[in-house]
Amino acid sequence: MALQSSGSISISQIKAEVGGTSSSLRSLSAGAGKSAPDGMQEFYGYSHITLTSFSASINSNFGAVCSESIVTTYYHDDPTFNYPVSNNTVYLNSNGSSYLPAGYYKLGSGDYMRVGTSGSVMYVNPCGFP
């Protein structure tokens, strides 16, 4: 998940987000694709994950989710699929700083998914499947 957009950021937080082993700001900045001069502030809101966009609509009522029109773009963390699959994490925004709220979502693929806490996809089924 993305680093905070304000306040104090530590080297250990940057290291965890970038996935590096070094504690050198230069090494971490290079690993994040940033150029010198380096500064802690360049990591505000930074996310090292690559998210894939998908279209969907939410409905809190399971029985009505498949009748929804697809109107919103969301994001998921599995670049191998166009749409989320079970155990993916789904987000409201492209930097991964906000999880999708729990509920039922009709996907542009014609399937629906149930999202639990922290944006976790519990399952994906075809519309018409209970």
C-alpha atoms as a PDB file:
ATOM      1  CA  MET A   1       0.000   0.000   0.000  1.00  0.00           C
ATOM      2  CA  ALA A   2       1.220   3.515  -0.739  1.00  0.00           C
ATOM      3  CA  LEU A   3       3.224   5.583   1.712  1.00  0.00           C
ATOM      4  CA  GLN A   4       1.401   8.449   3.419  1.00  0.00           C
ATOM      5  CA  SER A   5       1.085  11.749   1.565  1.00  0.00           C
ATOM      6  CA  SER A   6       2.181  13.948   4.477  1.00  0.00           C
ATOM      7  CA  GLY A   7       4.045  13.787   7.762  1.00  0.00           C
ATOM      8  CA  SER A   8       7.270  12.046   8.569  1.00  0.00           C
ATOM      9  CA  ILE A   9       8.484   9.098   6.455  1.00  0.00           C
ATOM     10  CA  SER A  10      11.271   6.841   7.680  1.00  0.00           C
ATOM     11  CA  ILE A  11      13.928   4.984   5.704  1.00  0.00           C
ATOM     12  CA  SER A  12      12.456   1.702   7.017  1.00  0.00           C
ATOM     13  CA  GLN A  13       9.020   2.613   5.578  1.00  0.00           C
ATOM     14  CA  ILE A  14      10.581   3.454   2.202  1.00  0.00           C
ATOM     15  CA  LYS A  15      12.635   0.262   2.313  1.00  0.00           C
ATOM     16  CA  ALA A  16       9.494  -1.816   2.981  1.00  0.00           C
ATOM     17  CA  GLU A  17       7.577  -0.148   0.136  1.00  0.00           C
ATOM     18  CA  VAL A  18      10.409  -0.328  -2.424  1.00  0.00           C
ATOM     19  CA  GLY A  19      11.366  -3.843  -1.361  1.00  0.00           C
ATOM     20  CA  GLY A  20      15.055  -2.992  -1.113  1.00  0.00           C
ATOM     21  CA  THR A  21      17.670  -4.316   1.247  1.00  0.00           C
ATOM     22  CA  SER A  22      19.826  -1.195   1.430  1.00  0.00           C
ATOM     23  CA  SER A  23      19.197   1.626   3.872  1.00  0.00           C
ATOM     24  CA  SER A  24      20.845   4.147   1.563  1.00  0.00           C
ATOM     25  CA  LEU A  25      18.420   6.818   0.328  1.00  0.00           C
ATOM     26  CA  ARG A  26      20.276   6.868  -3.032  1.00  0.00           C
ATOM     27  CA  SER A  27      19.821   3.092  -3.489  1.00  0.00           C
ATOM     28  CA  LEU A  28      16.153   3.222  -2.490  1.00  0.00           C
ATOM     29  CA  SER A  29      15.518   6.207  -4.790  1.00  0.00           C
ATOM     30  CA  ALA A  30      17.185   4.394  -7.687  1.00  0.00           C
ATOM     31  CA  GLY A  31      15.085   1.290  -6.939  1.00  0.00           C
ATOM     32  CA  ALA A  32      11.983   3.449  -7.150  1.00  0.00           C
ATOM     33  CA  GLY A  33      13.081   4.923 -10.481  1.00  0.00           C
ATOM     34  CA  LYS A  34      13.901   8.338  -9.055  1.00  0.00           C
ATOM     35  CA  SER A  35      16.952  10.413  -9.933  1.00  0.00           C
ATOM     36  CA  ALA A  36      19.305  12.508  -7.811  1.00  0.00           C
ATOM     37  CA  PRO A  37      19.181  14.725  -5.879  1.00  0.00           C
ATOM     38  CA  ASP A  38      17.367  12.457  -3.454  1.00  0.00           C
ATOM     39  CA  GLY A  39      14.960  13.567  -0.754  1.00  0.00           C
ATOM     40  CA  MET A  40      12.568  11.857   1.618  1.00  0.00           C
ATOM     41  CA  GLN A  41       9.727  14.092   0.354  1.00  0.00           C
ATOM     42  CA  GLU A  42       9.835  12.446  -3.093  1.00  0.00           C
ATOM     43  CA  PHE A  43       8.313   9.337  -1.478  1.00  0.00           C
ATOM     44  CA  TYR A  44       5.091  11.054  -0.308  1.00  0.00           C
ATOM     45  CA  GLY A  45       2.236   8.948  -1.715  1.00  0.00           C
ATOM     46  CA  TYR A  46       4.696   6.569  -3.400  1.00  0.00           C
ATOM     47  CA  SER A  47       3.561   3.028  -4.146  1.00  0.00           C
ATOM     48  CA  HIS A  48       5.821   0.356  -5.594  1.00  0.00           C
ATOM     49  CA  ILE A  49       2.938  -1.884  -6.644  1.00  0.00           C
ATOM     50  CA  THR A  50       1.735  -1.909 -10.228  1.00  0.00           C
ATOM     51  CA  LEU A  51      -2.026  -1.904 -10.425  1.00  0.00           C
ATOM     52  CA  THR A  52      -4.287  -2.975 -13.289  1.00  0.00           C
ATOM     53  CA  SER A  53      -7.444  -0.993 -14.012  1.00  0.00           C
ATOM     54  CA  PHE A  54     -10.838  -2.644 -14.481  1.00  0.00           C
ATOM     55  CA  SER A  55     -14.424  -1.458 -14.805  1.00  0.00           C
ATOM     56  CA  ALA A  56     -17.181  -2.365 -12.362  1.00  0.00           C
ATOM     57  CA  SER A  57     -20.220  -1.140 -10.443  1.00  0.00           C
ATOM     58  CA  ILE A  58     -21.096  -1.682  -6.791  1.00  0.00           C
ATOM     59  CA  ASN A  59     -24.380  -2.793  -5.278  1.00  0.00           C
ATOM     60  CA  SER A  60     -24.813  -3.699  -1.624  1.00  0.00           C
ATOM     61  CA  ASN A  61     -27.667  -6.064  -2.565  1.00  0.00           C
ATOM     62  CA  PHE A  62     -26.402  -9.428  -3.832  1.00  0.00           C
ATOM     63  CA  GLY A  63     -29.648 -10.075  -5.752  1.00  0.00           C
ATOM     64  CA  ALA A  64     -29.336  -6.863  -7.797  1.00  0.00           C
ATOM     65  CA  VAL A  65     -25.604  -6.667  -8.478  1.00  0.00           C
ATOM     66  CA  CYS A  66     -25.763  -8.282 -11.935  1.00  0.00           C
ATOM     67  CA  SER A  67     -28.348  -5.776 -13.182  1.00  0.00           C
ATOM     68  CA  GLU A  68     -25.986  -2.834 -12.574  1.00  0.00           C
ATOM     69  CA  SER A  69     -24.495  -0.778 -15.401  1.00  0.00           C
ATOM     70  CA  ILE A  70     -20.711  -0.662 -15.474  1.00  0.00           C
ATOM     71  CA  VAL A  71     -19.732   2.931 -14.677  1.00  0.00           C
ATOM     72  CA  THR A  72     -16.551   3.138 -12.578  1.00  0.00           C
ATOM     73  CA  THR A  73     -12.858   2.329 -12.978  1.00  0.00           C
ATOM     74  CA  TYR A  74     -11.151   0.576 -10.081  1.00  0.00           C
ATOM     75  CA  TYR A  75      -7.752  -1.137  -9.698  1.00  0.00           C
ATOM     76  CA  HIS A  76      -6.411  -4.555  -8.661  1.00  0.00           C
ATOM     77  CA  ASP A  77      -2.978  -5.948  -7.861  1.00  0.00           C
ATOM     78  CA  ASP A  78      -2.659  -8.880 -10.281  1.00  0.00           C
ATOM     79  CA  PRO A  79      -1.161  -7.802 -13.629  1.00  0.00           C
ATOM     80  CA  THR A  80      -1.680 -11.262 -15.140  1.00  0.00           C
ATOM     81  CA  PHE A  81      -5.486 -10.811 -15.326  1.00  0.00           C
ATOM     82  CA  ASN A  82      -7.677  -8.048 -16.789  1.00  0.00           C
ATOM     83  CA  TYR A  83     -10.169  -8.465 -13.932  1.00  0.00           C
ATOM     84  CA  PRO A  84      -9.679  -9.379 -10.258  1.00  0.00           C
ATOM     85  CA  VAL A  85      -9.685 -12.997  -9.147  1.00  0.00           C
ATOM     86  CA  SER A  86     -10.077 -14.518  -5.685  1.00  0.00           C
ATOM     87  CA  ASN A  87      -7.497 -13.334  -3.142  1.00  0.00           C
ATOM     88  CA  ASN A  88      -6.527 -10.230  -5.162  1.00  0.00           C
ATOM     89  CA  THR A  89      -6.651  -6.859  -3.446  1.00  0.00           C
ATOM     90  CA  VAL A  90      -8.779  -4.146  -5.073  1.00  0.00           C
ATOM     91  CA  TYR A  91      -8.403  -0.369  -4.755  1.00  0.00           C
ATOM     92  CA  LEU A  92     -10.391   2.801  -5.388  1.00  0.00           C
ATOM     93  CA  ASN A  93      -7.428   4.636  -6.901  1.00  0.00           C
ATOM     94  CA  SER A  94      -4.422   3.994  -9.117  1.00  0.00           C
ATOM     95  CA  ASN A  95      -1.822   4.515  -6.380  1.00  0.00           C
ATOM     96  CA  GLY A  96      -3.316   1.876  -4.081  1.00  0.00           C
ATOM     97  CA  SER A  97      -3.854   4.211  -1.141  1.00  0.00           C
ATOM     98  CA  SER A  98      -7.571   3.354  -0.639  1.00  0.00           C
ATOM     99  CA  TYR A  99      -9.137  -0.099  -0.562  1.00  0.00           C
ATOM    100  CA  LEU A 100     -12.403  -0.798  -2.339  1.00  0.00           C
ATOM    101  CA  PRO A 101     -15.213  -0.922   0.251  1.00  0.00           C
ATOM    102  CA  ALA A 102     -16.740  -4.276   1.109  1.00  0.00           C
ATOM    103  CA  GLY A 103     -19.707  -5.241  -1.062  1.00  0.00           C
ATOM    104  CA  TYR A 104     -20.767  -6.865  -4.321  1.00  0.00           C
ATOM    105  CA  TYR A 105     -19.407  -5.579  -7.631  1.00  0.00           C
ATOM    106  CA  LYS A 106     -20.477  -6.370 -11.171  1.00  0.00           C
ATOM    107  CA  LEU A 107     -17.394  -6.612 -13.357  1.00  0.00           C
ATOM    108  CA  GLY A 108     -17.101  -5.547 -16.989  1.00  0.00           C
ATOM    109  CA  SER A 109     -16.355  -9.209 -17.786  1.00  0.00           C
ATOM    110  CA  GLY A 110     -19.955 -10.172 -16.932  1.00  0.00           C
ATOM    111  CA  ASP A 111     -18.950 -11.717 -13.617  1.00  0.00           C
ATOM    112  CA  TYR A 112     -19.519 -10.407 -10.102  1.00  0.00           C
ATOM    113  CA  MET A 113     -17.186 -10.381  -7.116  1.00  0.00           C
ATOM    114  CA  ARG A 114     -17.580 -10.076  -3.397  1.00  0.00           C
ATOM    115  CA  VAL A 115     -15.076  -7.822  -1.653  1.00  0.00           C
ATOM    116  CA  GLY A 116     -14.404  -8.234   2.056  1.00  0.00           C
ATOM    117  CA  THR A 117     -12.352  -6.148   4.458  1.00  0.00           C
ATOM    118  CA  SER A 118      -9.163  -4.401   3.341  1.00  0.00           C
ATOM    119  CA  GLY A 119     -10.119  -4.756  -0.329  1.00  0.00           C
ATOM    120  CA  SER A 120      -9.716  -8.535  -0.356  1.00  0.00           C
ATOM    121  CA  VAL A 121     -11.591 -10.329  -3.160  1.00  0.00           C
ATOM    122  CA  MET A 122     -13.433 -13.183  -1.477  1.00  0.00           C
ATOM    123  CA  TYR A 123     -14.721 -14.796  -4.697  1.00  0.00           C
ATOM    124  CA  VAL A 124     -15.625 -14.135  -8.323  1.00  0.00           C
ATOM    125  CA  ASN A 125     -18.568 -15.882 -10.017  1.00  0.00           C
ATOM    126  CA  PRO A 126     -20.438 -15.533 -13.303  1.00  0.00           C
ATOM    127  CA  CYS A 127     -23.639 -13.450 -13.123  1.00  0.00           C
ATOM    128  CA  GLY A 128     -26.519 -15.877 -12.683  1.00  0.00           C
ATOM    129  CA  PHE A 129     -24.452 -18.126 -10.412  1.00  0.00           C
ATOM    130  CA  PRO A 130     -25.475 -17.980  -6.732  1.00  0.00           C
END
